[in-house]
């Protein structure tokens, strides 16, 4: 039995489709207009307050939007960029041990330092 040749994909106009409008986050608007019968997605930036988002939603509804959705704000960076730039340079294990010896509350720091030096030498540090 011979296989049928697939028909080429045809473009079909979608009737009664609503326009989709995305508002924000860059630039964050102060007003929403021209959204009559449209579906409006409000995409707030991280800095937008709940009151600002609510005000834009209400304004879009008042201007005739069919549906209004407020999308979630983007999540903040786990480590802010400024902290990443100012992060201290990592030190080696030997330097960390000697730094802890100096910061210790030991009464005999030279003996503690000597003990740590022997342990580090035995372990190849």
PDB file of N, CA and C in Angstrom:
ATOM      1  N   UNK A   1       0.847  -1.170   0.000  1.00  0.00           N
ATOM      2  CA  UNK A   1       0.000   0.000   0.000  1.00  0.00           C
ATOM      3  C   UNK A   1       0.895   1.237   0.000  1.00  0.00           C
ATOM      4  N   UNK A   2       0.648   2.147  -0.880  1.00  0.00           N
ATOM      5  CA  UNK A   2       1.471   3.352  -1.025  1.00  0.00           C
ATOM      6  C   UNK A   2       1.096   4.375   0.044  1.00  0.00           C
ATOM      7  N   UNK A   3       2.126   5.029   0.569  1.00  0.00           N
ATOM      8  CA  UNK A   3       1.896   6.064   1.585  1.00  0.00           C
ATOM      9  C   UNK A   3       1.452   7.345   0.914  1.00  0.00           C
ATOM     10  N   UNK A   4       0.548   8.047   1.584  1.00  0.00           N
ATOM     11  CA  UNK A   4       0.083   9.328   1.057  1.00  0.00           C
ATOM     12  C   UNK A   4       1.126  10.387   1.347  1.00  0.00           C
ATOM     13  N   UNK A   5       1.315  11.221   0.417  1.00  0.00           N
ATOM     14  CA  UNK A   5       2.251  12.323   0.592  1.00  0.00           C
ATOM     15  C   UNK A   5       1.609  13.350   1.525  1.00  0.00           C
ATOM     16  N   UNK A   6       2.332  13.800   2.569  1.00  0.00           N
ATOM     17  CA  UNK A   6       1.719  14.761   3.487  1.00  0.00           C
ATOM     18  C   UNK A   6       1.452  16.095   2.800  1.00  0.00           C
ATOM     19  N   UNK A   7       0.359  16.716   3.225  1.00  0.00           N
ATOM     20  CA  UNK A   7       0.017  18.014   2.659  1.00  0.00           C
ATOM     21  C   UNK A   7       0.946  19.070   3.252  1.00  0.00           C
ATOM     22  N   UNK A   8       1.282  20.077   2.466  1.00  0.00           N
ATOM     23  CA  UNK A   8       2.124  21.149   3.015  1.00  0.00           C
ATOM     24  C   UNK A   8       1.342  21.946   4.063  1.00  0.00           C
ATOM     25  N   UNK A   9       2.075  22.537   4.974  1.00  0.00           N
ATOM     26  CA  UNK A   9       1.465  23.339   6.027  1.00  0.00           C
ATOM     27  C   UNK A   9       0.904  24.614   5.407  1.00  0.00           C
ATOM     28  N   UNK A  10      -0.336  24.916   5.781  1.00  0.00           N
ATOM     29  CA  UNK A  10      -0.979  26.105   5.237  1.00  0.00           C
ATOM     30  C   UNK A  10      -1.190  27.119   6.355  1.00  0.00           C
ATOM     31  N   UNK A  11      -1.052  28.366   6.018  1.00  0.00           N
ATOM     32  CA  UNK A  11      -1.347  29.435   6.968  1.00  0.00           C
ATOM     33  C   UNK A  11      -2.851  29.649   6.986  1.00  0.00           C
ATOM     34  N   UNK A  12      -3.440  29.622   8.178  1.00  0.00           N
ATOM     35  CA  UNK A  12      -4.875  29.804   8.328  1.00  0.00           C
ATOM     36  C   UNK A  12      -5.092  30.982   9.258  1.00  0.00           C
ATOM     37  N   UNK A  13      -5.923  31.900   8.830  1.00  0.00           N
ATOM     38  CA  UNK A  13      -6.218  33.066   9.661  1.00  0.00           C
ATOM     39  C   UNK A  13      -7.076  32.639  10.844  1.00  0.00           C
ATOM     40  N   UNK A  14      -6.730  33.132  12.014  1.00  0.00           N
ATOM     41  CA  UNK A  14      -7.492  32.818  13.220  1.00  0.00           C
ATOM     42  C   UNK A  14      -8.509  33.937  13.413  1.00  0.00           C
ATOM     43  N   UNK A  15      -9.755  33.550  13.397  1.00  0.00           N
ATOM     44  CA  UNK A  15     -10.806  34.543  13.542  1.00  0.00           C
ATOM     45  C   UNK A  15     -11.086  34.794  15.012  1.00  0.00           C
ATOM     46  N   UNK A  16     -11.467  35.988  15.305  1.00  0.00           N
ATOM     47  CA  UNK A  16     -11.859  36.405  16.651  1.00  0.00           C
ATOM     48  C   UNK A  16     -10.737  36.225  17.676  1.00  0.00           C
ATOM     49  N   UNK A  17      -9.517  36.290  17.242  1.00  0.00           N
ATOM     50  CA  UNK A  17      -8.385  36.191  18.172  1.00  0.00           C
ATOM     51  C   UNK A  17      -8.144  37.556  18.803  1.00  0.00           C
ATOM     52  N   UNK A  18      -7.868  37.557  20.075  1.00  0.00           N
ATOM     53  CA  UNK A  18      -7.590  38.818  20.771  1.00  0.00           C
ATOM     54  C   UNK A  18      -6.107  39.140  20.657  1.00  0.00           C
ATOM     55  N   UNK A  19      -5.833  40.407  20.650  1.00  0.00           N
ATOM     56  CA  UNK A  19      -4.445  40.868  20.613  1.00  0.00           C
ATOM     57  C   UNK A  19      -3.818  40.648  21.988  1.00  0.00           C
ATOM     58  N   UNK A  20      -2.549  40.237  22.021  1.00  0.00           N
ATOM     59  CA  UNK A  20      -1.822  40.030  23.267  1.00  0.00           C
ATOM     60  C   UNK A  20      -0.817  41.159  23.434  1.00  0.00           C
ATOM     61  N   UNK A  21      -0.926  41.880  24.543  1.00  0.00           N
ATOM     62  CA  UNK A  21      -0.047  43.017  24.809  1.00  0.00           C
ATOM     63  C   UNK A  21       0.726  42.734  26.086  1.00  0.00           C
ATOM     64  N   UNK A  22       2.051  42.838  26.019  1.00  0.00           N
ATOM     65  CA  UNK A  22       2.888  42.682  27.207  1.00  0.00           C
ATOM     66  C   UNK A  22       3.410  44.053  27.603  1.00  0.00           C
ATOM     67  N   UNK A  23       3.194  44.421  28.855  1.00  0.00           N
ATOM     68  CA  UNK A  23       3.599  45.731  29.369  1.00  0.00           C
ATOM     69  C   UNK A  23       4.759  45.541  30.327  1.00  0.00           C
ATOM     70  N   UNK A  24       5.892  46.269  30.084  1.00  0.00           N
ATOM     71  CA  UNK A  24       7.048  46.232  30.965  1.00  0.00           C
ATOM     72  C   UNK A  24       7.969  45.095  30.591  1.00  0.00           C
ATOM     73  N   UNK A  25       8.971  44.767  31.320  1.00  0.00           N
ATOM     74  CA  UNK A  25       9.477  45.485  32.475  1.00  0.00           C
ATOM     75  C   UNK A  25      10.408  46.642  32.125  1.00  0.00           C
ATOM     76  N   UNK A  26      10.899  46.649  30.883  1.00  0.00           N
ATOM     77  CA  UNK A  26      11.839  47.707  30.537  1.00  0.00           C
ATOM     78  C   UNK A  26      11.399  48.371  29.252  1.00  0.00           C
ATOM     79  N   UNK A  27      10.957  49.564  29.229  1.00  0.00           N
ATOM     80  CA  UNK A  27      10.827  50.479  30.367  1.00  0.00           C
ATOM     81  C   UNK A  27       9.537  50.208  31.133  1.00  0.00           C
ATOM     82  N   UNK A  28       9.551  50.450  32.416  1.00  0.00           N
ATOM     83  CA  UNK A  28       8.374  50.268  33.257  1.00  0.00           C
ATOM     84  C   UNK A  28       7.454  51.445  33.022  1.00  0.00           C
ATOM     85  N   UNK A  29       6.228  51.197  32.528  1.00  0.00           N
ATOM     86  CA  UNK A  29       5.337  52.297  32.155  1.00  0.00           C
ATOM     87  C   UNK A  29       4.668  52.948  33.353  1.00  0.00           C
ATOM     88  N   UNK A  30       4.196  54.152  33.128  1.00  0.00           N
ATOM     89  CA  UNK A  30       3.418  54.845  34.155  1.00  0.00           C
ATOM     90  C   UNK A  30       1.935  54.790  33.831  1.00  0.00           C
ATOM     91  N   UNK A  31       1.593  54.408  32.581  1.00  0.00           N
ATOM     92  CA  UNK A  31       0.197  54.316  32.171  1.00  0.00           C
ATOM     93  C   UNK A  31       0.054  53.229  31.113  1.00  0.00           C
ATOM     94  N   UNK A  32      -1.175  52.696  30.986  1.00  0.00           N
ATOM     95  CA  UNK A  32      -1.479  51.673  29.991  1.00  0.00           C
ATOM     96  C   UNK A  32      -2.637  52.189  29.143  1.00  0.00           C
ATOM     97  N   UNK A  33      -2.447  52.242  27.831  1.00  0.00           N
ATOM     98  CA  UNK A  33      -3.520  52.696  26.951  1.00  0.00           C
ATOM     99  C   UNK A  33      -3.490  51.891  25.661  1.00  0.00           C
ATOM    100  N   UNK A  34      -4.567  51.987  24.881  1.00  0.00           N
ATOM    101  CA  UNK A  34      -4.641  51.290  23.605  1.00  0.00           C
ATOM    102  C   UNK A  34      -4.773  49.793  23.747  1.00  0.00           C
ATOM    103  N   UNK A  35      -5.489  49.340  24.761  1.00  0.00           N
ATOM    104  CA  UNK A  35      -5.600  47.910  25.017  1.00  0.00           C
ATOM    105  C   UNK A  35      -7.048  47.415  24.948  1.00  0.00           C
ATOM    106  N   UNK A  36      -7.909  48.106  24.215  1.00  0.00           N
ATOM    107  CA  UNK A  36      -9.316  47.733  24.120  1.00  0.00           C
ATOM    108  C   UNK A  36      -9.430  46.322  23.540  1.00  0.00           C
ATOM    109  N   UNK A  37     -10.150  45.438  24.230  1.00  0.00           N
ATOM    110  CA  UNK A  37     -10.414  44.053  23.840  1.00  0.00           C
ATOM    111  C   UNK A  37      -9.143  43.203  23.730  1.00  0.00           C
ATOM    112  N   UNK A  38      -8.055  43.625  24.310  1.00  0.00           N
ATOM    113  CA  UNK A  38      -6.799  42.880  24.241  1.00  0.00           C
ATOM    114  C   UNK A  38      -6.581  42.096  25.536  1.00  0.00           C
ATOM    115  N   UNK A  39      -5.738  41.093  25.455  1.00  0.00           N
ATOM    116  CA  UNK A  39      -5.267  40.389  26.645  1.00  0.00           C
ATOM    117  C   UNK A  39      -3.968  41.083  27.044  1.00  0.00           C
ATOM    118  N   UNK A  40      -3.912  41.557  28.272  1.00  0.00           N
ATOM    119  CA  UNK A  40      -2.764  42.347  28.727  1.00  0.00           C
ATOM    120  C   UNK A  40      -1.993  41.554  29.775  1.00  0.00           C
ATOM    121  N   UNK A  41      -0.678  41.406  29.531  1.00  0.00           N
ATOM    122  CA  UNK A  41       0.226  40.797  30.509  1.00  0.00           C
ATOM    123  C   UNK A  41       1.101  41.902  31.075  1.00  0.00           C
ATOM    124  N   UNK A  42       1.068  42.051  32.375  1.00  0.00           N
ATOM    125  CA  UNK A  42       1.907  43.059  33.020  1.00  0.00           C
ATOM    126  C   UNK A  42       3.085  42.318  33.630  1.00  0.00           C
ATOM    127  N   UNK A  43       4.275  42.660  33.153  1.00  0.00           N
ATOM    128  CA  UNK A  43       5.512  41.999  33.580  1.00  0.00           C
ATOM    129  C   UNK A  43       6.330  43.006  34.381  1.00  0.00           C
ATOM    130  N   UNK A  44       6.168  43.007  35.712  1.00  0.00           N
ATOM    131  CA  UNK A  44       6.838  44.020  36.526  1.00  0.00           C
ATOM    132  C   UNK A  44       8.327  43.750  36.713  1.00  0.00           C
ATOM    133  N   UNK A  45       9.121  44.823  36.829  1.00  0.00           N
ATOM    134  CA  UNK A  45      10.525  44.622  37.174  1.00  0.00           C
ATOM    135  C   UNK A  45      10.642  44.299  38.663  1.00  0.00           C
ATOM    136  N   UNK A  46      11.805  43.902  39.088  1.00  0.00           N
ATOM    137  CA  UNK A  46      12.039  43.554  40.486  1.00  0.00           C
ATOM    138  C   UNK A  46      11.753  44.729  41.416  1.00  0.00           C
ATOM    139  N   UNK A  47      11.990  45.945  40.931  1.00  0.00           N
ATOM    140  CA  UNK A  47      11.850  47.126  41.783  1.00  0.00           C
ATOM    141  C   UNK A  47      10.418  47.640  41.906  1.00  0.00           C
ATOM    142  N   UNK A  48       9.462  47.117  41.131  1.00  0.00           N
ATOM    143  CA  UNK A  48       8.090  47.621  41.169  1.00  0.00           C
ATOM    144  C   UNK A  48       7.384  47.171  42.443  1.00  0.00           C
ATOM    145  N   UNK A  49       6.627  48.080  43.031  1.00  0.00           N
ATOM    146  CA  UNK A  49       5.883  47.731  44.239  1.00  0.00           C
ATOM    147  C   UNK A  49       4.564  47.068  43.858  1.00  0.00           C
ATOM    148  N   UNK A  50       3.941  46.412  44.835  1.00  0.00           N
ATOM    149  CA  UNK A  50       2.650  45.775  44.597  1.00  0.00           C
ATOM    150  C   UNK A  50       1.597  46.814  44.208  1.00  0.00           C
ATOM    151  N   UNK A  51       1.668  47.993  44.826  1.00  0.00           N
ATOM    152  CA  UNK A  51       0.703  49.053  44.512  1.00  0.00           C
ATOM    153  C   UNK A  51       0.820  49.511  43.064  1.00  0.00           C
ATOM    154  N   UNK A  52       2.041  49.632  42.553  1.00  0.00           N
ATOM    155  CA  UNK A  52       2.238  50.039  41.157  1.00  0.00           C
ATOM    156  C   UNK A  52       1.649  49.004  40.198  1.00  0.00           C
ATOM    157  N   UNK A  53       1.889  47.732  40.485  1.00  0.00           N
ATOM    158  CA  UNK A  53       1.380  46.656  39.623  1.00  0.00           C
ATOM    159  C   UNK A  53      -0.144  46.645  39.659  1.00  0.00           C
ATOM    160  N   UNK A  54      -0.716  46.767  40.847  1.00  0.00           N
ATOM    161  CA  UNK A  54      -2.170  46.787  40.994  1.00  0.00           C
ATOM    162  C   UNK A  54      -2.773  47.982  40.259  1.00  0.00           C
ATOM    163  N   UNK A  55      -2.135  49.134  40.347  1.00  0.00           N
ATOM    164  CA  UNK A  55      -2.634  50.337  39.666  1.00  0.00           C
ATOM    165  C   UNK A  55      -2.643  50.133  38.158  1.00  0.00           C
ATOM    166  N   UNK A  56      -1.568  49.535  37.597  1.00  0.00           N
ATOM    167  CA  UNK A  56      -1.532  49.293  36.154  1.00  0.00           C
ATOM    168  C   UNK A  56      -2.587  48.273  35.730  1.00  0.00           C
ATOM    169  N   UNK A  57      -2.824  47.253  36.540  1.00  0.00           N
ATOM    170  CA  UNK A  57      -3.873  46.270  36.237  1.00  0.00           C
ATOM    171  C   UNK A  57      -5.244  46.938  36.191  1.00  0.00           C
ATOM    172  N   UNK A  58      -5.526  47.754  37.186  1.00  0.00           N
ATOM    173  CA  UNK A  58      -6.816  48.460  37.237  1.00  0.00           C
ATOM    174  C   UNK A  58      -6.959  49.420  36.062  1.00  0.00           C
ATOM    175  N   UNK A  59      -5.888  50.091  35.706  1.00  0.00           N
ATOM    176  CA  UNK A  59      -5.930  51.032  34.588  1.00  0.00           C
ATOM    177  C   UNK A  59      -6.172  50.313  33.261  1.00  0.00           C
ATOM    178  N   UNK A  60      -5.559  49.140  33.084  1.00  0.00           N
ATOM    179  CA  UNK A  60      -5.771  48.368  31.861  1.00  0.00           C
ATOM    180  C   UNK A  60      -7.221  47.907  31.764  1.00  0.00           C
ATOM    181  N   UNK A  61      -7.794  47.470  32.893  1.00  0.00           N
ATOM    182  CA  UNK A  61      -9.207  47.072  32.895  1.00  0.00           C
ATOM    183  C   UNK A  61     -10.104  48.261  32.578  1.00  0.00           C
ATOM    184  N   UNK A  62      -9.786  49.417  33.153  1.00  0.00           N
ATOM    185  CA  UNK A  62     -10.592  50.626  32.912  1.00  0.00           C
ATOM    186  C   UNK A  62     -10.503  51.067  31.449  1.00  0.00           C
ATOM    187  N   UNK A  63      -9.398  50.764  30.775  1.00  0.00           N
ATOM    188  CA  UNK A  63      -9.224  51.148  29.371  1.00  0.00           C
ATOM    189  C   UNK A  63      -9.757  50.092  28.402  1.00  0.00           C
ATOM    190  N   UNK A  64     -10.490  49.092  28.913  1.00  0.00           N
ATOM    191  CA  UNK A  64     -11.176  48.150  28.047  1.00  0.00           C
ATOM    192  C   UNK A  64     -10.463  46.847  27.754  1.00  0.00           C
ATOM    193  N   UNK A  65      -9.455  46.470  28.525  1.00  0.00           N
ATOM    194  CA  UNK A  65      -8.765  45.199  28.293  1.00  0.00           C
ATOM    195  C   UNK A  65      -9.717  44.045  28.594  1.00  0.00           C
ATOM    196  N   UNK A  66      -9.665  43.001  27.762  1.00  0.00           N
ATOM    197  CA  UNK A  66     -10.528  41.837  27.961  1.00  0.00           C
ATOM    198  C   UNK A  66     -10.090  41.037  29.185  1.00  0.00           C
ATOM    199  N   UNK A  67      -8.783  40.826  29.332  1.00  0.00           N
ATOM    200  CA  UNK A  67      -8.209  40.109  30.469  1.00  0.00           C
ATOM    201  C   UNK A  67      -6.903  40.790  30.845  1.00  0.00           C
ATOM    202  N   UNK A  68      -6.598  40.771  32.124  1.00  0.00           N
ATOM    203  CA  UNK A  68      -5.342  41.350  32.600  1.00  0.00           C
ATOM    204  C   UNK A  68      -4.676  40.342  33.526  1.00  0.00           C
ATOM    205  N   UNK A  69      -3.406  40.052  33.251  1.00  0.00           N
ATOM    206  CA  UNK A  69      -2.618  39.138  34.069  1.00  0.00           C
ATOM    207  C   UNK A  69      -1.374  39.865  34.550  1.00  0.00           C
ATOM    208  N   UNK A  70      -1.067  39.705  35.819  1.00  0.00           N
ATOM    209  CA  UNK A  70       0.193  40.229  36.355  1.00  0.00           C
ATOM    210  C   UNK A  70       1.144  39.052  36.497  1.00  0.00           C
ATOM    211  N   UNK A  71       2.223  39.075  35.760  1.00  0.00           N
ATOM    212  CA  UNK A  71       3.222  38.005  35.814  1.00  0.00           C
ATOM    213  C   UNK A  71       4.087  38.179  37.062  1.00  0.00           C
ATOM    214  N   UNK A  72       4.713  37.110  37.545  1.00  0.00           N
ATOM    215  CA  UNK A  72       5.581  37.252  38.720  1.00  0.00           C
ATOM    216  C   UNK A  72       6.830  38.059  38.403  1.00  0.00           C
ATOM    217  N   UNK A  73       7.338  38.717  39.421  1.00  0.00           N
ATOM    218  CA  UNK A  73       8.578  39.487  39.262  1.00  0.00           C
ATOM    219  C   UNK A  73       9.740  38.513  39.046  1.00  0.00           C
ATOM    220  N   UNK A  74      10.810  38.968  38.395  1.00  0.00           N
ATOM    221  CA  UNK A  74      11.985  38.105  38.263  1.00  0.00           C
ATOM    222  C   UNK A  74      12.624  37.881  39.633  1.00  0.00           C
ATOM    223  N   UNK A  75      13.244  36.748  39.796  1.00  0.00           N
ATOM    224  CA  UNK A  75      13.899  36.455  41.070  1.00  0.00           C
ATOM    225  C   UNK A  75      15.200  37.246  41.149  1.00  0.00           C
ATOM    226  N   UNK A  76      15.534  37.727  42.341  1.00  0.00           N
ATOM    227  CA  UNK A  76      16.796  38.471  42.473  1.00  0.00           C
ATOM    228  C   UNK A  76      17.987  37.540  42.314  1.00  0.00           C
ATOM    229  N   UNK A  77      19.118  38.132  41.982  1.00  0.00           N
ATOM    230  CA  UNK A  77      20.345  37.345  41.863  1.00  0.00           C
ATOM    231  C   UNK A  77      20.688  36.740  43.218  1.00  0.00           C
ATOM    232  N   UNK A  78      21.220  35.533  43.204  1.00  0.00           N
ATOM    233  CA  UNK A  78      21.571  34.882  44.467  1.00  0.00           C
ATOM    234  C   UNK A  78      22.708  35.646  45.142  1.00  0.00           C
ATOM    235  N   UNK A  79      23.721  35.987  44.384  1.00  0.00           N
ATOM    236  CA  UNK A  79      24.814  36.799  44.894  1.00  0.00           C
ATOM    237  C   UNK A  79      24.823  38.087  44.062  1.00  0.00           C
ATOM    238  N   UNK A  80      24.488  39.214  44.662  1.00  0.00           N
ATOM    239  CA  UNK A  80      24.470  40.453  43.893  1.00  0.00           C
ATOM    240  C   UNK A  80      25.811  40.730  43.216  1.00  0.00           C
ATOM    241  N   UNK A  81      25.765  41.422  42.090  1.00  0.00           N
ATOM    242  CA  UNK A  81      26.960  41.682  41.282  1.00  0.00           C
ATOM    243  C   UNK A  81      28.040  42.413  42.086  1.00  0.00           C
ATOM    244  N   UNK A  82      27.645  43.375  42.916  1.00  0.00           N
ATOM    245  CA  UNK A  82      28.632  44.141  43.681  1.00  0.00           C
ATOM    246  C   UNK A  82      29.388  43.241  44.654  1.00  0.00           C
ATOM    247  N   UNK A  83      28.687  42.278  45.254  1.00  0.00           N
ATOM    248  CA  UNK A  83      29.329  41.368  46.205  1.00  0.00           C
ATOM    249  C   UNK A  83      30.288  40.447  45.466  1.00  0.00           C
ATOM    250  N   UNK A  84      29.901  39.997  44.261  1.00  0.00           N
ATOM    251  CA  UNK A  84      30.785  39.137  43.489  1.00  0.00           C
ATOM    252  C   UNK A  84      32.096  39.846  43.169  1.00  0.00           C
ATOM    253  N   UNK A  85      32.022  41.120  42.815  1.00  0.00           N
ATOM    254  CA  UNK A  85      33.223  41.872  42.477  1.00  0.00           C
ATOM    255  C   UNK A  85      34.112  42.094  43.695  1.00  0.00           C
ATOM    256  N   UNK A  86      33.491  42.260  44.864  1.00  0.00           N
ATOM    257  CA  UNK A  86      34.247  42.557  46.071  1.00  0.00           C
ATOM    258  C   UNK A  86      34.610  41.301  46.862  1.00  0.00           C
ATOM    259  N   UNK A  87      34.337  40.128  46.322  1.00  0.00           N
ATOM    260  CA  UNK A  87      34.635  38.884  47.036  1.00  0.00           C
ATOM    261  C   UNK A  87      36.138  38.766  47.270  1.00  0.00           C
ATOM    262  N   UNK A  88      36.532  38.361  48.471  1.00  0.00           N
ATOM    263  CA  UNK A  88      37.963  38.230  48.755  1.00  0.00           C
ATOM    264  C   UNK A  88      38.580  37.082  47.961  1.00  0.00           C
ATOM    265  N   UNK A  89      39.846  37.233  47.689  1.00  0.00           N
ATOM    266  CA  UNK A  89      40.563  36.193  46.957  1.00  0.00           C
ATOM    267  C   UNK A  89      40.741  34.987  47.867  1.00  0.00           C
ATOM    268  N   UNK A  90      40.537  33.809  47.343  1.00  0.00           N
ATOM    269  CA  UNK A  90      40.645  32.585  48.134  1.00  0.00           C
ATOM    270  C   UNK A  90      42.099  32.366  48.555  1.00  0.00           C
ATOM    271  N   UNK A  91      42.272  31.901  49.783  1.00  0.00           N
ATOM    272  CA  UNK A  91      43.613  31.612  50.266  1.00  0.00           C
ATOM    273  C   UNK A  91      43.771  30.096  50.361  1.00  0.00           C
ATOM    274  N   UNK A  92      44.983  29.643  50.414  1.00  0.00           N
ATOM    275  CA  UNK A  92      45.263  28.215  50.475  1.00  0.00           C
ATOM    276  C   UNK A  92      44.982  27.640  51.852  1.00  0.00           C
ATOM    277  N   UNK A  93      45.008  26.314  51.925  1.00  0.00           N
ATOM    278  CA  UNK A  93      44.729  25.618  53.181  1.00  0.00           C
ATOM    279  C   UNK A  93      45.777  25.950  54.243  1.00  0.00           C
ATOM    280  N   UNK A  94      47.043  26.001  53.839  1.00  0.00           N
ATOM    281  CA  UNK A  94      48.123  26.291  54.785  1.00  0.00           C
ATOM    282  C   UNK A  94      47.952  27.686  55.388  1.00  0.00           C
ATOM    283  N   UNK A  95      47.671  28.665  54.520  1.00  0.00           N
ATOM    284  CA  UNK A  95      47.488  30.037  55.002  1.00  0.00           C
ATOM    285  C   UNK A  95      46.270  30.138  55.912  1.00  0.00           C
ATOM    286  N   UNK A  96      45.206  29.384  55.596  1.00  0.00           N
ATOM    287  CA  UNK A  96      44.003  29.411  56.423  1.00  0.00           C
ATOM    288  C   UNK A  96      44.288  28.841  57.813  1.00  0.00           C
ATOM    289  N   UNK A  97      45.050  27.753  57.871  1.00  0.00           N
ATOM    290  CA  UNK A  97      45.382  27.142  59.166  1.00  0.00           C
ATOM    291  C   UNK A  97      46.226  28.100  59.995  1.00  0.00           C
ATOM    292  N   UNK A  98      47.238  28.711  59.377  1.00  0.00           N
ATOM    293  CA  UNK A  98      48.099  29.641  60.115  1.00  0.00           C
ATOM    294  C   UNK A  98      47.323  30.877  60.568  1.00  0.00           C
ATOM    295  N   UNK A  99      46.360  31.303  59.769  1.00  0.00           N
ATOM    296  CA  UNK A  99      45.522  32.451  60.156  1.00  0.00           C
ATOM    297  C   UNK A  99      44.663  32.092  61.361  1.00  0.00           C
ATOM    298  N   UNK A 100      44.140  30.872  61.385  1.00  0.00           N
ATOM    299  CA  UNK A 100      43.332  30.426  62.524  1.00  0.00           C
ATOM    300  C   UNK A 100      44.179  30.282  63.779  1.00  0.00           C
ATOM    301  N   UNK A 101      45.422  29.861  63.627  1.00  0.00           N
ATOM    302  CA  UNK A 101      46.326  29.765  64.785  1.00  0.00           C
ATOM    303  C   UNK A 101      46.518  31.153  65.385  1.00  0.00           C
ATOM    304  N   UNK A 102      46.726  32.161  64.544  1.00  0.00           N
ATOM    305  CA  UNK A 102      46.938  33.532  65.040  1.00  0.00           C
ATOM    306  C   UNK A 102      45.689  34.087  65.724  1.00  0.00           C
ATOM    307  N   UNK A 103      44.508  33.683  65.228  1.00  0.00           N
ATOM    308  CA  UNK A 103      43.257  34.184  65.805  1.00  0.00           C
ATOM    309  C   UNK A 103      42.799  33.376  67.015  1.00  0.00           C
ATOM    310  N   UNK A 104      43.465  32.280  67.310  1.00  0.00           N
ATOM    311  CA  UNK A 104      43.026  31.401  68.395  1.00  0.00           C
ATOM    312  C   UNK A 104      43.244  32.066  69.754  1.00  0.00           C
ATOM    313  N   UNK A 105      42.558  31.516  70.750  1.00  0.00           N
ATOM    314  CA  UNK A 105      42.682  32.017  72.123  1.00  0.00           C
ATOM    315  C   UNK A 105      43.703  31.206  72.918  1.00  0.00           C
ATOM    316  N   UNK A 106      44.566  30.497  72.211  1.00  0.00           N
ATOM    317  CA  UNK A 106      45.562  29.656  72.863  1.00  0.00           C
ATOM    318  C   UNK A 106      46.572  30.515  73.627  1.00  0.00           C
ATOM    319  N   UNK A 107      46.999  30.027  74.786  1.00  0.00           N
ATOM    320  CA  UNK A 107      48.004  30.737  75.564  1.00  0.00           C
ATOM    321  C   UNK A 107      49.403  30.483  75.016  1.00  0.00           C
ATOM    322  N   UNK A 108      49.559  29.367  74.309  1.00  0.00           N
ATOM    323  CA  UNK A 108      50.866  29.006  73.761  1.00  0.00           C
ATOM    324  C   UNK A 108      50.764  28.875  72.241  1.00  0.00           C
ATOM    325  N   UNK A 109      50.675  30.015  71.570  1.00  0.00           N
ATOM    326  CA  UNK A 109      50.520  30.022  70.111  1.00  0.00           C
ATOM    327  C   UNK A 109      51.723  29.431  69.385  1.00  0.00           C
ATOM    328  N   UNK A 110      52.963  29.683  69.850  1.00  0.00           N
ATOM    329  CA  UNK A 110      54.092  29.056  69.160  1.00  0.00           C
ATOM    330  C   UNK A 110      54.030  27.526  69.168  1.00  0.00           C
ATOM    331  N   UNK A 111      53.601  26.933  70.281  1.00  0.00           N
ATOM    332  CA  UNK A 111      53.494  25.474  70.359  1.00  0.00           C
ATOM    333  C   UNK A 111      52.374  24.980  69.439  1.00  0.00           C
ATOM    334  N   UNK A 112      51.264  25.706  69.414  1.00  0.00           N
ATOM    335  CA  UNK A 112      50.144  25.343  68.535  1.00  0.00           C
ATOM    336  C   UNK A 112      50.564  25.458  67.069  1.00  0.00           C
ATOM    337  N   UNK A 113      51.304  26.536  66.744  1.00  0.00           N
ATOM    338  CA  UNK A 113      51.785  26.727  65.369  1.00  0.00           C
ATOM    339  C   UNK A 113      52.724  25.586  64.970  1.00  0.00           C
ATOM    340  N   UNK A 114      53.616  25.211  65.885  1.00  0.00           N
ATOM    341  CA  UNK A 114      54.563  24.122  65.602  1.00  0.00           C
ATOM    342  C   UNK A 114      53.827  22.800  65.385  1.00  0.00           C
ATOM    343  N   UNK A 115      52.822  22.516  66.215  1.00  0.00           N
ATOM    344  CA  UNK A 115      52.032  21.301  66.060  1.00  0.00           C
ATOM    345  C   UNK A 115      51.321  21.293  64.703  1.00  0.00           C
ATOM    346  N   UNK A 116      50.705  22.404  64.337  1.00  0.00           N
ATOM    347  CA  UNK A 116      50.006  22.508  63.042  1.00  0.00           C
ATOM    348  C   UNK A 116      50.985  22.362  61.882  1.00  0.00           C
ATOM    349  N   UNK A 117      52.183  22.955  62.014  1.00  0.00           N
ATOM    350  CA  UNK A 117      53.206  22.837  60.959  1.00  0.00           C
ATOM    351  C   UNK A 117      53.587  21.371  60.750  1.00  0.00           C
ATOM    352  N   UNK A 118      53.763  20.621  61.855  1.00  0.00           N
ATOM    353  CA  UNK A 118      54.123  19.207  61.733  1.00  0.00           C
ATOM    354  C   UNK A 118      53.013  18.409  61.056  1.00  0.00           C
ATOM    355  N   UNK A 119      51.757  18.672  61.436  1.00  0.00           N
ATOM    356  CA  UNK A 119      50.619  17.954  60.835  1.00  0.00           C
ATOM    357  C   UNK A 119      50.510  18.287  59.352  1.00  0.00           C
ATOM    358  N   UNK A 120      50.689  19.567  59.010  1.00  0.00           N
ATOM    359  CA  UNK A 120      50.596  19.956  57.592  1.00  0.00           C
ATOM    360  C   UNK A 120      51.734  19.346  56.786  1.00  0.00           C
ATOM    361  N   UNK A 121      52.961  19.294  57.360  1.00  0.00           N
ATOM    362  CA  UNK A 121      54.100  18.709  56.651  1.00  0.00           C
ATOM    363  C   UNK A 121      53.868  17.213  56.423  1.00  0.00           C
ATOM    364  N   UNK A 122      53.277  16.546  57.410  1.00  0.00           N
ATOM    365  CA  UNK A 122      53.012  15.122  57.289  1.00  0.00           C
ATOM    366  C   UNK A 122      51.960  14.854  56.210  1.00  0.00           C
ATOM    367  N   UNK A 123      51.030  15.801  56.002  1.00  0.00           N
ATOM    368  CA  UNK A 123      49.965  15.629  55.019  1.00  0.00           C
ATOM    369  C   UNK A 123      50.265  16.321  53.693  1.00  0.00           C
ATOM    370  N   UNK A 124      51.461  16.844  53.539  1.00  0.00           N
ATOM    371  CA  UNK A 124      51.873  17.409  52.262  1.00  0.00           C
ATOM    372  C   UNK A 124      51.339  18.811  51.975  1.00  0.00           C
ATOM    373  N   UNK A 125      51.079  19.564  53.006  1.00  0.00           N
ATOM    374  CA  UNK A 125      50.612  20.947  52.784  1.00  0.00           C
ATOM    375  C   UNK A 125      51.727  21.940  52.995  1.00  0.00           C
TER     376      UNK A 125
END
